[in-house]
Amino acid sequence: MPDEKRFAVAARARVKLCAMSPVILAVLGALAIGTSPAAATRSRLSATDGTCLVPGIGKPLDRIWRPNILSAIGYQHHRRGDIAFAVRTAASFYGYRPDHPEWSASVLKAMLMVAYLDQRSVAGRALDAYDEALLYPMITRSDNDAADTVDGIVGASGLRALAGRVGMTHFEAAEPIWGESEITARDQTKFFLDIDRYIVPRHRAYAMHLLASIVPLQRWGIGQVAPHGWKLYFKGGWGAGTGLIDNQVALLTRGCARISIAVLTMSDGSHAYGKQTLKVIFHKLLQGLPTGSHSHYR
């Protein structure tokens, strides 16, 4: 992760902003956004017309589960820090401050990987040892040196091009400190819900394998509470253990069913505190999902 010194000056400004008016921030962000009754009706009516049915349940995801967004909002009111989160399925979107910008830290590495694989010089050929020496450590153990190299190749223009393909509306690439790129929970859930579709087919399996292979020491938050029976792909970012930033963005799949979740935090006070915030918010949002054996639902 970018270290504390690289973030120090801007961090002080961000902390002041977070402390300015917690009441205003809470009021502005307290609305959970979901599907309208009309949209929910359309989803129910289309269930017999090819809509994805959750394996083992036989019903559309949005008919059997909704994220416990109000519980998560209630929890965050008692936590320090600057918090935003969102949940997205194929039919629904829910969020708390979903358009509030936060620094990406190493969550950006998922975008760096996809942008790298989308280059003409890479997309049309097999990956070689050099490619894998960059991508594997960058994603699985969040290596910053590899990310610096990939960022130097892709550049802000490559990241912006990917953001445009996805339809992100609040993404701001930062150079030379890529970890200060601004992201939102809304944009990141939009990206992760269909992340494999933004990767050229010949490299898709490899890239998804990396996102499913985060090293054990970095599998906190969503990595601790992901429900059984769902395949987890995710990337986290944190401010060199300082508590300045603790972010995670994830995709959960069960057969054709998909859920993307982003929880973004800043100014947590300590890395341990930020990790606990992530863990509890993910747990609350994911309560009630059907569970079962992972091996049946890939």
C-alpha atoms as a PDB file:
ATOM      1  CA  MET A   1       0.000   0.000   0.000  1.00  0.00           C
ATOM      2  CA  PRO A   2       1.108   3.553  -0.402  1.00  0.00           C
ATOM      3  CA  ASP A   3       2.891   4.434   2.838  1.00  0.00           C
ATOM      4  CA  GLU A   4       1.949   6.945   5.501  1.00  0.00           C
ATOM      5  CA  LYS A   5       4.390   9.609   4.335  1.00  0.00           C
ATOM      6  CA  ARG A   6       2.954   9.661   0.824  1.00  0.00           C
ATOM      7  CA  PHE A   7      -0.506  10.343   2.230  1.00  0.00           C
ATOM      8  CA  ALA A   8       0.342  12.587   5.168  1.00  0.00           C
ATOM      9  CA  VAL A   9      -0.485  16.097   3.901  1.00  0.00           C
ATOM     10  CA  ALA A  10      -3.706  15.218   2.113  1.00  0.00           C
ATOM     11  CA  ALA A  11      -4.718  12.943   4.988  1.00  0.00           C
ATOM     12  CA  ARG A  12      -4.769  15.854   7.419  1.00  0.00           C
ATOM     13  CA  ALA A  13      -7.096  17.758   5.109  1.00  0.00           C
ATOM     14  CA  ARG A  14      -9.353  14.705   4.745  1.00  0.00           C
ATOM     15  CA  VAL A  15      -9.525  14.183   8.517  1.00  0.00           C
ATOM     16  CA  LYS A  16     -10.605  17.802   8.973  1.00  0.00           C
ATOM     17  CA  LEU A  17     -13.325  17.333   6.382  1.00  0.00           C
ATOM     18  CA  CYS A  18     -14.569  14.155   8.073  1.00  0.00           C
ATOM     19  CA  ALA A  19     -14.666  15.874  11.459  1.00  0.00           C
ATOM     20  CA  MET A  20     -16.355  19.047  10.186  1.00  0.00           C
ATOM     21  CA  SER A  21     -19.958  17.963  10.263  1.00  0.00           C
ATOM     22  CA  PRO A  22     -20.834  14.350  11.057  1.00  0.00           C
ATOM     23  CA  VAL A  23     -24.490  15.345  11.334  1.00  0.00           C
ATOM     24  CA  ILE A  24     -24.547  16.725   7.781  1.00  0.00           C
ATOM     25  CA  LEU A  25     -22.701  13.705   6.429  1.00  0.00           C
ATOM     26  CA  ALA A  26     -25.124  11.332   8.144  1.00  0.00           C
ATOM     27  CA  VAL A  27     -28.184  13.178   6.859  1.00  0.00           C
ATOM     28  CA  LEU A  28     -26.853  13.332   3.310  1.00  0.00           C
ATOM     29  CA  GLY A  29     -25.994   9.675   3.264  1.00  0.00           C
ATOM     30  CA  ALA A  30     -28.715   8.025   5.294  1.00  0.00           C
ATOM     31  CA  LEU A  31     -30.976   7.029   2.414  1.00  0.00           C
ATOM     32  CA  ALA A  32     -30.632   3.456   1.217  1.00  0.00           C
ATOM     33  CA  ILE A  33     -31.222   3.146  -2.505  1.00  0.00           C
ATOM     34  CA  GLY A  34     -33.050   0.107  -3.836  1.00  0.00           C
ATOM     35  CA  THR A  35     -35.253  -0.950  -6.682  1.00  0.00           C
ATOM     36  CA  SER A  36     -38.597   0.746  -7.084  1.00  0.00           C
ATOM     37  CA  PRO A  37     -41.803  -1.315  -6.691  1.00  0.00           C
ATOM     38  CA  ALA A  38     -42.176  -1.217 -10.474  1.00  0.00           C
ATOM     39  CA  ALA A  39     -38.649  -2.533 -10.973  1.00  0.00           C
ATOM     40  CA  ALA A  40     -39.233  -5.275  -8.410  1.00  0.00           C
ATOM     41  CA  THR A  41     -42.423  -6.245 -10.228  1.00  0.00           C
ATOM     42  CA  ARG A  42     -40.578  -6.441 -13.529  1.00  0.00           C
ATOM     43  CA  SER A  43     -37.993  -8.692 -11.911  1.00  0.00           C
ATOM     44  CA  ARG A  44     -40.633 -11.059 -10.595  1.00  0.00           C
ATOM     45  CA  LEU A  45     -42.437 -11.203 -13.917  1.00  0.00           C
ATOM     46  CA  SER A  46     -39.288 -11.978 -15.851  1.00  0.00           C
ATOM     47  CA  ALA A  47     -38.251 -14.854 -13.600  1.00  0.00           C
ATOM     48  CA  THR A  48     -39.811 -17.368 -15.988  1.00  0.00           C
ATOM     49  CA  ASP A  49     -38.254 -15.661 -19.021  1.00  0.00           C
ATOM     50  CA  GLY A  50     -34.613 -16.571 -18.534  1.00  0.00           C
ATOM     51  CA  THR A  51     -33.803 -14.611 -15.379  1.00  0.00           C
ATOM     52  CA  CYS A  52     -31.063 -16.247 -13.336  1.00  0.00           C
ATOM     53  CA  LEU A  53     -32.412 -18.635 -10.690  1.00  0.00           C
ATOM     54  CA  VAL A  54     -30.147 -19.154  -7.680  1.00  0.00           C
ATOM     55  CA  PRO A  55     -28.780 -22.731  -7.755  1.00  0.00           C
ATOM     56  CA  GLY A  56     -30.256 -24.857  -5.004  1.00  0.00           C
ATOM     57  CA  ILE A  57     -33.096 -22.358  -4.474  1.00  0.00           C
ATOM     58  CA  GLY A  58     -34.746 -22.081  -7.873  1.00  0.00           C
ATOM     59  CA  LYS A  59     -35.772 -18.448  -7.460  1.00  0.00           C
ATOM     60  CA  PRO A  60     -34.299 -15.099  -8.590  1.00  0.00           C
ATOM     61  CA  LEU A  61     -31.849 -13.658  -6.069  1.00  0.00           C
ATOM     62  CA  ASP A  62     -33.832 -10.480  -5.477  1.00  0.00           C
ATOM     63  CA  ARG A  63     -36.918 -12.477  -4.490  1.00  0.00           C
ATOM     64  CA  ILE A  64     -35.151 -14.344  -1.702  1.00  0.00           C
ATOM     65  CA  TRP A  65     -32.642 -11.820  -0.345  1.00  0.00           C
ATOM     66  CA  ARG A  66     -31.955  -8.156   0.215  1.00  0.00           C
ATOM     67  CA  PRO A  67     -28.925  -6.691   1.965  1.00  0.00           C
ATOM     68  CA  ASN A  68     -29.519  -5.545   5.517  1.00  0.00           C
ATOM     69  CA  ILE A  69     -28.640  -1.996   4.557  1.00  0.00           C
ATOM     70  CA  LEU A  70     -30.358  -0.303   7.498  1.00  0.00           C
ATOM     71  CA  SER A  71     -28.512  -2.450  10.025  1.00  0.00           C
ATOM     72  CA  ALA A  72     -25.207  -1.595   8.349  1.00  0.00           C
ATOM     73  CA  ILE A  73     -26.079   2.114   8.368  1.00  0.00           C
ATOM     74  CA  GLY A  74     -26.985   1.916  12.045  1.00  0.00           C
ATOM     75  CA  TYR A  75     -23.678   0.231  12.842  1.00  0.00           C
ATOM     76  CA  GLN A  76     -21.558   2.773  10.981  1.00  0.00           C
ATOM     77  CA  HIS A  77     -23.139   5.638  12.971  1.00  0.00           C
ATOM     78  CA  HIS A  78     -21.254   4.330  16.015  1.00  0.00           C
ATOM     79  CA  ARG A  79     -17.930   3.957  14.188  1.00  0.00           C
ATOM     80  CA  ARG A  80     -15.350   6.660  13.652  1.00  0.00           C
ATOM     81  CA  GLY A  81     -14.094   7.331  10.160  1.00  0.00           C
ATOM     82  CA  ASP A  82     -15.472   8.299   6.772  1.00  0.00           C
ATOM     83  CA  ILE A  83     -17.585   5.351   5.564  1.00  0.00           C
ATOM     84  CA  ALA A  84     -19.470   4.575   2.355  1.00  0.00           C
ATOM     85  CA  PHE A  85     -20.797   1.300   0.963  1.00  0.00           C
ATOM     86  CA  ALA A  86     -22.985  -0.195  -1.747  1.00  0.00           C
ATOM     87  CA  VAL A  87     -24.457  -3.520  -2.848  1.00  0.00           C
ATOM     88  CA  ARG A  88     -25.445  -4.370  -6.407  1.00  0.00           C
ATOM     89  CA  THR A  89     -27.159  -7.341  -8.060  1.00  0.00           C
ATOM     90  CA  ALA A  90     -28.282  -7.750 -11.658  1.00  0.00           C
ATOM     91  CA  ALA A  91     -31.649  -6.192 -10.731  1.00  0.00           C
ATOM     92  CA  SER A  92     -31.069  -3.991  -7.678  1.00  0.00           C
ATOM     93  CA  PHE A  93     -28.785  -1.400  -6.127  1.00  0.00           C
ATOM     94  CA  TYR A  94     -28.535  -0.302  -2.502  1.00  0.00           C
ATOM     95  CA  GLY A  95     -26.153   2.229  -1.040  1.00  0.00           C
ATOM     96  CA  TYR A  96     -25.072   4.432   1.818  1.00  0.00           C
ATOM     97  CA  ARG A  97     -23.271   7.516   0.478  1.00  0.00           C
ATOM     98  CA  PRO A  98     -22.608   5.551  -2.722  1.00  0.00           C
ATOM     99  CA  ASP A  99     -21.294   8.579  -4.646  1.00  0.00           C
ATOM    100  CA  HIS A 100     -19.038   9.841  -1.874  1.00  0.00           C
ATOM    101  CA  PRO A 101     -15.429   9.772  -3.171  1.00  0.00           C
ATOM    102  CA  GLU A 102     -12.723   7.966  -1.210  1.00  0.00           C
ATOM    103  CA  TRP A 103      -9.074   7.275  -1.986  1.00  0.00           C
ATOM    104  CA  SER A 104      -8.671   3.902  -3.632  1.00  0.00           C
ATOM    105  CA  ALA A 105      -5.410   2.685  -2.103  1.00  0.00           C
ATOM    106  CA  SER A 106      -4.772  -0.814  -3.495  1.00  0.00           C
ATOM    107  CA  VAL A 107      -8.368  -1.477  -4.520  1.00  0.00           C
ATOM    108  CA  LEU A 108      -7.178   0.290  -7.688  1.00  0.00           C
ATOM    109  CA  LYS A 109      -4.993  -2.718  -8.499  1.00  0.00           C
ATOM    110  CA  ALA A 110      -8.012  -4.597  -9.844  1.00  0.00           C
ATOM    111  CA  MET A 111      -8.512  -1.782 -12.356  1.00  0.00           C
ATOM    112  CA  LEU A 112      -4.793  -1.738 -13.125  1.00  0.00           C
ATOM    113  CA  MET A 113      -4.886  -5.462 -13.893  1.00  0.00           C
ATOM    114  CA  VAL A 114      -7.896  -5.222 -16.198  1.00  0.00           C
ATOM    115  CA  ALA A 115      -6.480  -2.179 -18.003  1.00  0.00           C
ATOM    116  CA  TYR A 116      -3.138  -3.963 -18.459  1.00  0.00           C
ATOM    117  CA  LEU A 117      -4.783  -7.055 -19.925  1.00  0.00           C
ATOM    118  CA  ASP A 118      -6.823  -4.855 -22.268  1.00  0.00           C
ATOM    119  CA  GLN A 119      -3.745  -3.417 -23.984  1.00  0.00           C
ATOM    120  CA  ARG A 120      -3.372  -4.368 -27.619  1.00  0.00           C
ATOM    121  CA  SER A 121       0.129  -5.657 -26.949  1.00  0.00           C
ATOM    122  CA  VAL A 122      -1.251  -8.064 -24.307  1.00  0.00           C
ATOM    123  CA  ALA A 123      -4.861  -8.851 -25.226  1.00  0.00           C
ATOM    124  CA  GLY A 124      -4.073 -10.820 -28.364  1.00  0.00           C
ATOM    125  CA  ARG A 125      -1.347 -13.128 -27.062  1.00  0.00           C
ATOM    126  CA  ALA A 126      -0.647 -15.614 -24.305  1.00  0.00           C
ATOM    127  CA  LEU A 127       0.650 -14.166 -21.066  1.00  0.00           C
ATOM    128  CA  ASP A 128       4.365 -14.637 -20.548  1.00  0.00           C
ATOM    129  CA  ALA A 129       6.544 -14.837 -17.447  1.00  0.00           C
ATOM    130  CA  TYR A 130       6.972 -11.048 -17.348  1.00  0.00           C
ATOM    131  CA  ASP A 131       3.214 -10.451 -17.327  1.00  0.00           C
ATOM    132  CA  GLU A 132       2.651 -12.970 -14.569  1.00  0.00           C
ATOM    133  CA  ALA A 133       5.570 -11.602 -12.535  1.00  0.00           C
ATOM    134  CA  LEU A 134       3.703  -8.290 -12.439  1.00  0.00           C
ATOM    135  CA  LEU A 135       0.083  -9.364 -12.087  1.00  0.00           C
ATOM    136  CA  TYR A 136       0.366 -12.296  -9.664  1.00  0.00           C
ATOM    137  CA  PRO A 137       2.087 -10.425  -6.801  1.00  0.00           C
ATOM    138  CA  MET A 138       0.174  -7.208  -7.493  1.00  0.00           C
ATOM    139  CA  ILE A 139      -3.184  -8.900  -6.904  1.00  0.00           C
ATOM    140  CA  THR A 140      -2.582 -11.857  -4.594  1.00  0.00           C
ATOM    141  CA  ARG A 141      -0.303 -10.102  -2.089  1.00  0.00           C
ATOM    142  CA  SER A 142      -0.839  -6.473  -3.138  1.00  0.00           C
ATOM    143  CA  ASP A 143       2.766  -5.811  -4.151  1.00  0.00           C
ATOM    144  CA  ASN A 144       3.332  -2.086  -4.649  1.00  0.00           C
ATOM    145  CA  ASP A 145       6.452  -2.343  -6.790  1.00  0.00           C
ATOM    146  CA  ALA A 146       4.546  -4.422  -9.327  1.00  0.00           C
ATOM    147  CA  ALA A 147       1.674  -1.930  -9.210  1.00  0.00           C
ATOM    148  CA  ASP A 148       4.067   0.970  -9.817  1.00  0.00           C
ATOM    149  CA  THR A 149       5.319  -0.801 -12.942  1.00  0.00           C
ATOM    150  CA  VAL A 150       1.831  -1.617 -14.207  1.00  0.00           C
ATOM    151  CA  ASP A 151       0.678   1.936 -13.515  1.00  0.00           C
ATOM    152  CA  GLY A 152       3.643   3.219 -15.490  1.00  0.00           C
ATOM    153  CA  ILE A 153       2.557   1.060 -18.433  1.00  0.00           C
ATOM    154  CA  VAL A 154      -1.182   1.680 -18.240  1.00  0.00           C
ATOM    155  CA  GLY A 155      -1.116   5.275 -17.053  1.00  0.00           C
ATOM    156  CA  ALA A 156      -4.028   7.492 -16.098  1.00  0.00           C
ATOM    157  CA  SER A 157      -5.293   7.334 -19.675  1.00  0.00           C
ATOM    158  CA  GLY A 158      -5.650   3.552 -19.510  1.00  0.00           C
ATOM    159  CA  LEU A 159      -7.512   3.740 -16.209  1.00  0.00           C
ATOM    160  CA  ARG A 160      -9.817   6.446 -17.526  1.00  0.00           C
ATOM    161  CA  ALA A 161     -10.524   4.398 -20.632  1.00  0.00           C
ATOM    162  CA  LEU A 162     -11.538   1.437 -18.462  1.00  0.00           C
ATOM    163  CA  ALA A 163     -13.688   3.680 -16.268  1.00  0.00           C
ATOM    164  CA  GLY A 164     -15.412   4.880 -19.428  1.00  0.00           C
ATOM    165  CA  ARG A 165     -16.090   1.324 -20.614  1.00  0.00           C
ATOM    166  CA  VAL A 166     -17.618   0.464 -17.255  1.00  0.00           C
ATOM    167  CA  GLY A 167     -19.687   3.633 -17.106  1.00  0.00           C
ATOM    168  CA  MET A 168     -18.115   5.025 -13.947  1.00  0.00           C
ATOM    169  CA  THR A 169     -19.211   8.575 -13.202  1.00  0.00           C
ATOM    170  CA  HIS A 170     -16.965   9.658 -10.309  1.00  0.00           C
ATOM    171  CA  PHE A 171     -13.574   8.085 -11.022  1.00  0.00           C
ATOM    172  CA  GLU A 172     -10.479  10.300 -10.854  1.00  0.00           C
ATOM    173  CA  ALA A 173      -7.079   8.788 -11.626  1.00  0.00           C
ATOM    174  CA  ALA A 174      -4.203  10.207  -9.574  1.00  0.00           C
ATOM    175  CA  GLU A 175      -0.585  10.371 -10.688  1.00  0.00           C
ATOM    176  CA  PRO A 176       2.077   9.695  -9.604  1.00  0.00           C
ATOM    177  CA  ILE A 177       0.489   8.351  -6.388  1.00  0.00           C
ATOM    178  CA  TRP A 178      -2.058   5.962  -7.862  1.00  0.00           C
ATOM    179  CA  GLY A 179      -3.389   5.113  -4.374  1.00  0.00           C
ATOM    180  CA  GLU A 180      -4.905   8.587  -4.169  1.00  0.00           C
ATOM    181  CA  SER A 181      -7.172   7.897  -7.135  1.00  0.00           C
ATOM    182  CA  GLU A 182     -10.760   8.710  -6.195  1.00  0.00           C
ATOM    183  CA  ILE A 183     -13.379   5.965  -6.355  1.00  0.00           C
ATOM    184  CA  THR A 184     -16.959   5.559  -5.195  1.00  0.00           C
ATOM    185  CA  ALA A 185     -18.869   2.568  -3.913  1.00  0.00           C
ATOM    186  CA  ARG A 186     -21.393   2.916  -6.744  1.00  0.00           C
ATOM    187  CA  ASP A 187     -18.730   2.823  -9.461  1.00  0.00           C
ATOM    188  CA  GLN A 188     -16.805  -0.027  -7.893  1.00  0.00           C
ATOM    189  CA  THR A 189     -19.859  -2.268  -7.516  1.00  0.00           C
ATOM    190  CA  LYS A 190     -20.694  -1.572 -11.153  1.00  0.00           C
ATOM    191  CA  PHE A 191     -17.176  -2.613 -12.131  1.00  0.00           C
ATOM    192  CA  PHE A 192     -16.986  -5.739  -9.976  1.00  0.00           C
ATOM    193  CA  LEU A 193     -20.442  -7.071 -10.800  1.00  0.00           C
ATOM    194  CA  ASP A 194     -19.269  -7.787 -14.358  1.00  0.00           C
ATOM    195  CA  ILE A 195     -15.504  -7.550 -13.936  1.00  0.00           C
ATOM    196  CA  ASP A 196     -14.828 -10.690 -15.967  1.00  0.00           C
ATOM    197  CA  ARG A 197     -16.650  -9.203 -18.959  1.00  0.00           C
ATOM    198  CA  TYR A 198     -14.134  -6.352 -19.089  1.00  0.00           C
ATOM    199  CA  ILE A 199     -11.289  -8.857 -19.418  1.00  0.00           C
ATOM    200  CA  VAL A 200     -10.520 -10.337 -22.834  1.00  0.00           C
ATOM    201  CA  PRO A 201     -11.691 -13.974 -22.961  1.00  0.00           C
ATOM    202  CA  ARG A 202      -8.229 -15.505 -23.309  1.00  0.00           C
ATOM    203  CA  HIS A 203      -7.054 -13.896 -20.033  1.00  0.00           C
ATOM    204  CA  ARG A 204     -10.328 -14.015 -18.106  1.00  0.00           C
ATOM    205  CA  ALA A 205      -9.791 -17.244 -16.176  1.00  0.00           C
ATOM    206  CA  TYR A 206      -6.298 -16.212 -15.081  1.00  0.00           C
ATOM    207  CA  ALA A 207      -7.401 -12.788 -13.853  1.00  0.00           C
ATOM    208  CA  MET A 208     -10.360 -14.191 -11.922  1.00  0.00           C
ATOM    209  CA  HIS A 209      -8.099 -16.840 -10.413  1.00  0.00           C
ATOM    210  CA  LEU A 210      -5.887 -14.069  -9.025  1.00  0.00           C
ATOM    211  CA  LEU A 211      -8.850 -12.249  -7.462  1.00  0.00           C
ATOM    212  CA  ALA A 212      -9.878 -15.531  -5.822  1.00  0.00           C
ATOM    213  CA  SER A 213      -6.354 -16.196  -4.502  1.00  0.00           C
ATOM    214  CA  ILE A 214      -5.645 -13.347  -2.080  1.00  0.00           C
ATOM    215  CA  VAL A 215      -3.045 -14.513   0.435  1.00  0.00           C
ATOM    216  CA  PRO A 216      -4.345 -15.606   3.878  1.00  0.00           C
ATOM    217  CA  LEU A 217      -2.739 -12.675   5.712  1.00  0.00           C
ATOM    218  CA  GLN A 218      -4.845 -10.233   3.664  1.00  0.00           C
ATOM    219  CA  ARG A 219      -8.167 -12.083   3.871  1.00  0.00           C
ATOM    220  CA  TRP A 220      -9.784  -9.934   6.541  1.00  0.00           C
ATOM    221  CA  GLY A 221     -13.180  -8.231   6.244  1.00  0.00           C
ATOM    222  CA  ILE A 222     -15.123  -9.942   3.452  1.00  0.00           C
ATOM    223  CA  GLY A 223     -12.582 -12.764   3.527  1.00  0.00           C
ATOM    224  CA  GLN A 224     -13.745 -13.665   7.040  1.00  0.00           C
ATOM    225  CA  VAL A 225     -17.502 -13.514   6.513  1.00  0.00           C
ATOM    226  CA  ALA A 226     -18.150 -14.562   2.898  1.00  0.00           C
ATOM    227  CA  PRO A 227     -21.069 -17.027   2.969  1.00  0.00           C
ATOM    228  CA  HIS A 228     -20.563 -20.705   2.194  1.00  0.00           C
ATOM    229  CA  GLY A 229     -21.788 -21.731  -1.217  1.00  0.00           C
ATOM    230  CA  TRP A 230     -20.570 -18.534  -2.886  1.00  0.00           C
ATOM    231  CA  LYS A 231     -17.333 -18.018  -4.776  1.00  0.00           C
ATOM    232  CA  LEU A 232     -15.423 -14.952  -3.576  1.00  0.00           C
ATOM    233  CA  TYR A 233     -13.327 -12.608  -5.736  1.00  0.00           C
ATOM    234  CA  PHE A 234     -12.062  -9.438  -4.094  1.00  0.00           C
ATOM    235  CA  LYS A 235      -9.371  -6.815  -3.674  1.00  0.00           C
ATOM    236  CA  GLY A 236      -8.570  -4.746  -0.612  1.00  0.00           C
ATOM    237  CA  GLY A 237      -6.640  -1.567  -0.002  1.00  0.00           C
ATOM    238  CA  TRP A 238      -5.234  -0.079   3.179  1.00  0.00           C
ATOM    239  CA  GLY A 239      -2.961   2.794   4.167  1.00  0.00           C
ATOM    240  CA  ALA A 240       0.177   0.890   5.096  1.00  0.00           C
ATOM    241  CA  GLY A 241      -1.524  -0.342   8.262  1.00  0.00           C
ATOM    242  CA  THR A 242      -2.101   3.196   9.577  1.00  0.00           C
ATOM    243  CA  GLY A 243      -5.902   3.208   9.576  1.00  0.00           C
ATOM    244  CA  LEU A 244      -5.927   6.035   7.038  1.00  0.00           C
ATOM    245  CA  ILE A 245      -7.676   3.817   4.480  1.00  0.00           C
ATOM    246  CA  ASP A 246      -9.348   0.415   4.740  1.00  0.00           C
ATOM    247  CA  ASN A 247     -11.289  -0.576   1.609  1.00  0.00           C
ATOM    248  CA  GLN A 248     -12.569  -3.792   0.054  1.00  0.00           C
ATOM    249  CA  VAL A 249     -14.530  -4.449  -3.117  1.00  0.00           C
ATOM    250  CA  ALA A 250     -15.871  -7.936  -3.841  1.00  0.00           C
ATOM    251  CA  LEU A 251     -17.827 -10.113  -6.234  1.00  0.00           C
ATOM    252  CA  LEU A 252     -19.744 -13.135  -4.924  1.00  0.00           C
ATOM    253  CA  THR A 253     -21.024 -15.703  -7.418  1.00  0.00           C
ATOM    254  CA  ARG A 254     -23.189 -18.795  -7.109  1.00  0.00           C
ATOM    255  CA  GLY A 255     -23.835 -20.244 -10.525  1.00  0.00           C
ATOM    256  CA  CYS A 256     -25.346 -17.399 -12.526  1.00  0.00           C
ATOM    257  CA  ALA A 257     -26.211 -15.364  -9.423  1.00  0.00           C
ATOM    258  CA  ARG A 258     -23.948 -12.381  -8.694  1.00  0.00           C
ATOM    259  CA  ILE A 259     -23.559  -9.831  -5.915  1.00  0.00           C
ATOM    260  CA  SER A 260     -20.979  -7.051  -5.857  1.00  0.00           C
ATOM    261  CA  ILE A 261     -20.214  -5.147  -2.658  1.00  0.00           C
ATOM    262  CA  ALA A 262     -17.926  -2.218  -1.910  1.00  0.00           C
ATOM    263  CA  VAL A 263     -17.107  -0.928   1.570  1.00  0.00           C
ATOM    264  CA  LEU A 264     -14.839   2.133   1.616  1.00  0.00           C
ATOM    265  CA  THR A 265     -13.479   3.783   4.761  1.00  0.00           C
ATOM    266  CA  MET A 266     -10.998   6.509   5.624  1.00  0.00           C
ATOM    267  CA  SER A 267      -9.624   7.959   8.869  1.00  0.00           C
ATOM    268  CA  ASP A 268     -10.376   4.841  10.916  1.00  0.00           C
ATOM    269  CA  GLY A 269      -7.728   5.599  13.516  1.00  0.00           C
ATOM    270  CA  SER A 270      -5.984   2.241  13.237  1.00  0.00           C
ATOM    271  CA  HIS A 271      -5.784  -0.607  10.764  1.00  0.00           C
ATOM    272  CA  ALA A 272      -7.260  -3.040  13.304  1.00  0.00           C
ATOM    273  CA  TYR A 273     -10.243  -0.729  13.819  1.00  0.00           C
ATOM    274  CA  GLY A 274     -10.757  -0.363  10.074  1.00  0.00           C
ATOM    275  CA  LYS A 275     -10.638  -4.123   9.551  1.00  0.00           C
ATOM    276  CA  GLN A 276     -13.290  -4.613  12.220  1.00  0.00           C
ATOM    277  CA  THR A 277     -15.501  -2.009  10.539  1.00  0.00           C
ATOM    278  CA  LEU A 278     -15.176  -3.840   7.232  1.00  0.00           C
ATOM    279  CA  LYS A 279     -15.912  -7.224   8.781  1.00  0.00           C
ATOM    280  CA  VAL A 280     -19.077  -6.154  10.572  1.00  0.00           C
ATOM    281  CA  ILE A 281     -20.504  -4.127   7.681  1.00  0.00           C
ATOM    282  CA  PHE A 282     -19.947  -6.990   5.234  1.00  0.00           C
ATOM    283  CA  HIS A 283     -21.485  -9.423   7.726  1.00  0.00           C
ATOM    284  CA  LYS A 284     -24.579  -7.281   8.161  1.00  0.00           C
ATOM    285  CA  LEU A 285     -25.032  -6.692   4.438  1.00  0.00           C
ATOM    286  CA  LEU A 286     -24.711 -10.393   3.590  1.00  0.00           C
ATOM    287  CA  GLN A 287     -27.000 -11.789   6.283  1.00  0.00           C
ATOM    288  CA  GLY A 288     -29.674 -14.096   4.950  1.00  0.00           C
ATOM    289  CA  LEU A 289     -27.973 -15.281   1.789  1.00  0.00           C
ATOM    290  CA  PRO A 290     -28.666 -18.964   0.984  1.00  0.00           C
ATOM    291  CA  THR A 291     -25.649 -21.106   1.773  1.00  0.00           C
ATOM    292  CA  GLY A 292     -24.373 -24.487   0.722  1.00  0.00           C
ATOM    293  CA  SER A 293     -21.278 -26.240  -0.602  1.00  0.00           C
ATOM    294  CA  HIS A 294     -18.880 -24.099  -2.624  1.00  0.00           C
ATOM    295  CA  SER A 295     -18.142 -27.034  -4.914  1.00  0.00           C
ATOM    296  CA  HIS A 296     -21.689 -27.060  -6.288  1.00  0.00           C
ATOM    297  CA  TYR A 297     -21.959 -23.417  -7.180  1.00  0.00           C
ATOM    298  CA  ARG A 298     -19.002 -22.137  -9.177  1.00  0.00           C
END
